[in-house]
Structure formats: structure tokens, C-alpha cells
Amino acid sequence: MDRRSFILMGASAGLFALISPRYAFASSKLEEEVRKRVGVSLSQIQQSDQISINAPTIAESGANIPVTVESTIPAERVEHLWVFADKNPVPWITDVKITPANGQVYFSTRIKMGETSNVRAIMKLKDGSHIMNFKEVKVTAGGCG
């Protein structure tokens, strides 16, 4: 191998390393993330009004959106909570382990969103079932880049 081939090979590898994370984020979809994180597909999760999501209907900036998730289900019956933003490059926001010591199902945070999308909360109950609810947040200026 001559010097020129070696340098071109190294430059190609470096360029691929810079570009590949973008492709990894772009190919990530909500269904894939839910299956990976929650362990079931979206079609297996039942929609429920026992989960409430408090977030602005219209956010002037996607860089700092307050989101609060609460539930009327007692914490003793809940095992896990996940939060997703459907159209983000990586939809998964966070997951929270719920224990009876929590007292109630309540989680509040601030998230970043690149565009108008649903914010989705999914809960796994102790009986093995999954429930979810979502709220659309309209973003007037993107915050993810």
C-alpha cells in the first residue's frame, strides 16, 4: 500500500465516523425506540386517560419545553414510565422507575423538540400491561439544531 492510498483510506474512515451518527439518528423512528425501550410495539399499548400530560399547546421555542406527566393510578400499581417526543431525531426522552416510595406517579422535566410533534407518556403496570397517552405540542421555532 502506498502513502496516498493509506491517507485516502484514513480520510474515508474519518469522514464516515463524522457522518454515521447523523444517519443513526435520522433512521431512528418512534416505533423502533418504543420496541427497544419498552419491549412492546405501539399497537400493543392501550390508550388511557388515566395519564395526563401537561405541556404547552404552542411552544415559541423548541429548546425548552416544560412537560409534566401525572397519573391517577396509584404508584403501587405502576412499574415504569417512559416519555417520548414522536418526531425528534431520537424520540426517547427519558424513563423513570416508579416505586411505592414515590407516593404518586408524577414526573416533570423540560425537553427539546425540533418540530411540532406528540409528546407521549407510556406506563408499564405491575400486571404487565402497558398504557399511554399523548399531547401534541406545536413548535414555532425548532430547538434541536
Protein backbone atom coordinates (compact mmCIF):
# COMPACT_ATOMS: atom_id res chain seq x y z
CA MET A 1 0.00 0.00 0.00
CA ASP A 2 1.40 3.39 -0.94
CA ARG A 3 1.18 6.56 1.09
CA ARG A 4 -1.63 8.11 -0.97
CA SER A 5 -3.89 5.05 -0.59
CA PHE A 6 -3.21 4.98 3.15
CA ILE A 7 -4.14 8.66 3.54
CA LEU A 8 -7.31 8.28 1.45
CA MET A 9 -8.34 5.25 3.47
CA GLY A 10 -7.84 7.17 6.75
CA ALA A 11 -9.74 10.20 5.43
CA SER A 12 -12.63 7.99 4.33
CA ALA A 13 -12.82 6.33 7.74
CA GLY A 14 -12.76 9.71 9.48
CA LEU A 15 -15.47 11.08 7.22
CA PHE A 16 -17.64 8.02 7.86
CA ALA A 17 -17.19 8.45 11.62
CA LEU A 18 -18.36 12.07 11.36
CA ILE A 19 -21.35 11.28 9.18
CA SER A 20 -22.58 7.99 10.63
CA PRO A 21 -24.10 9.40 13.87
CA ARG A 22 -26.36 11.64 11.78
CA TYR A 23 -27.60 8.68 9.81
CA ALA A 24 -28.10 6.70 13.00
CA PHE A 25 -30.27 9.49 14.45
CA ALA A 26 -32.18 10.03 11.22
CA SER A 27 -33.07 6.35 10.88
CA SER A 28 -34.37 6.14 14.45
CA LYS A 29 -38.17 6.13 14.48
CA LEU A 30 -40.71 6.13 17.27
CA GLU A 31 -41.77 2.51 16.74
CA GLU A 32 -38.15 1.31 16.89
CA GLU A 33 -37.44 3.30 20.05
CA VAL A 34 -40.61 2.12 21.79
CA ARG A 35 -39.85 -1.50 20.93
CA LYS A 36 -36.24 -1.07 22.11
CA ARG A 37 -37.01 0.78 25.36
CA VAL A 38 -40.42 -0.53 26.39
CA GLY A 39 -40.18 -4.02 24.89
CA VAL A 40 -43.53 -3.98 23.07
CA SER A 41 -44.85 -2.38 19.88
CA LEU A 42 -47.09 0.69 19.90
CA SER A 43 -50.04 -1.41 18.72
CA GLN A 44 -49.84 -3.45 21.94
CA ILE A 45 -50.17 -0.35 24.15
CA GLN A 46 -53.65 0.77 25.13
CA GLN A 47 -54.50 4.49 25.20
CA SER A 48 -55.72 5.69 28.60
CA ASP A 49 -56.99 8.94 30.07
CA GLN A 50 -55.53 7.86 33.44
CA ILE A 51 -52.28 9.50 32.30
CA SER A 52 -52.29 13.29 31.94
CA ILE A 53 -49.61 15.26 30.15
CA ASN A 54 -49.29 18.94 30.94
CA ALA A 55 -47.32 20.76 28.23
CA PRO A 56 -47.91 23.95 26.27
CA THR A 57 -50.14 23.61 23.22
CA ILE A 58 -47.89 26.07 21.38
CA ALA A 59 -44.21 26.48 22.25
CA GLU A 60 -42.44 29.55 20.88
CA SER A 61 -39.11 27.76 21.13
CA GLY A 62 -38.46 24.05 20.93
CA ALA A 63 -35.31 24.46 23.02
CA ASN A 64 -37.01 24.47 26.42
CA ILE A 65 -40.49 22.93 26.71
CA PRO A 66 -41.88 22.14 30.19
CA VAL A 67 -43.58 18.73 30.37
CA THR A 68 -45.30 17.18 33.39
CA VAL A 69 -46.70 13.65 33.46
CA GLU A 70 -49.16 12.59 36.19
CA SER A 71 -51.41 9.62 36.69
CA THR A 72 -54.47 8.76 38.77
CA ILE A 73 -53.19 5.18 39.08
CA PRO A 74 -51.59 4.54 42.50
CA ALA A 75 -47.79 4.29 42.43
CA GLU A 76 -48.04 0.78 43.93
CA ARG A 77 -49.57 -0.44 40.64
CA VAL A 78 -47.03 1.25 38.33
CA GLU A 79 -43.62 -0.14 37.48
CA HIS A 80 -42.13 2.20 34.86
CA LEU A 81 -42.76 5.46 32.96
CA TRP A 82 -41.26 6.43 29.59
CA VAL A 83 -41.53 9.79 27.81
CA PHE A 84 -41.10 10.18 24.03
CA ALA A 85 -41.28 13.07 21.55
CA ASP A 86 -42.53 11.37 18.38
CA LYS A 87 -40.69 13.38 15.70
CA ASN A 88 -37.40 14.09 17.48
CA PRO A 89 -34.31 12.61 15.80
CA VAL A 90 -34.16 10.29 18.81
CA PRO A 91 -37.74 10.09 20.13
CA TRP A 92 -36.84 8.69 23.56
CA ILE A 93 -36.66 11.43 26.21
CA THR A 94 -36.39 9.56 29.49
CA ASP A 95 -37.56 6.62 31.54
CA VAL A 96 -38.38 6.61 35.24
CA LYS A 97 -38.66 3.66 37.62
CA ILE A 98 -41.72 4.10 39.84
CA THR A 99 -41.87 2.61 43.33
CA PRO A 100 -44.43 2.89 46.16
CA ALA A 101 -41.98 5.29 47.84
CA ASN A 102 -42.84 7.80 45.10
CA GLY A 103 -46.26 8.17 46.65
CA GLN A 104 -47.83 9.11 43.31
CA VAL A 105 -46.96 8.97 39.64
CA TYR A 106 -45.60 12.45 38.92
CA PHE A 107 -42.68 13.48 36.73
CA SER A 108 -41.73 16.93 35.50
CA THR A 109 -38.90 17.98 33.17
CA ARG A 110 -38.01 20.26 30.28
CA ILE A 111 -37.41 18.81 26.85
CA LYS A 112 -36.08 19.83 23.46
CA MET A 113 -38.15 19.39 20.31
CA GLY A 114 -37.13 20.09 16.73
CA GLU A 115 -40.63 20.38 15.29
CA THR A 116 -44.33 20.05 16.05
CA SER A 117 -44.92 16.60 17.47
CA ASN A 118 -46.76 14.49 20.01
CA VAL A 119 -45.26 14.14 23.46
CA ARG A 120 -46.08 10.61 24.56
CA ALA A 121 -46.07 9.04 28.02
CA ILE A 122 -46.10 5.24 28.33
CA MET A 123 -46.50 3.39 31.61
CA LYS A 124 -45.92 -0.26 32.42
CA LEU A 125 -48.19 -1.51 35.17
CA LYS A 126 -47.26 -4.23 37.67
CA ASP A 127 -49.69 -6.63 35.97
CA GLY A 128 -47.54 -6.44 32.81
CA SER A 129 -49.91 -4.27 30.77
CA HIS A 130 -48.90 -1.00 29.10
CA ILE A 131 -50.93 2.18 28.78
CA MET A 132 -50.18 5.54 27.15
CA ASN A 133 -51.44 8.99 26.42
CA PHE A 134 -50.09 11.82 24.26
CA LYS A 135 -50.42 15.54 23.66
CA GLU A 136 -49.50 17.49 20.56
CA VAL A 137 -47.08 20.38 21.10
CA LYS A 138 -46.80 22.87 18.24
CA VAL A 139 -43.27 24.24 17.95
CA THR A 140 -42.93 27.59 16.15
CA ALA A 141 -39.11 27.62 16.21
CA GLY A 142 -37.11 24.37 16.35
CA GLY A 143 -34.78 23.63 19.25
CA CYS A 144 -32.84 20.59 18.05
CA GLY A 145 -30.22 22.17 15.90
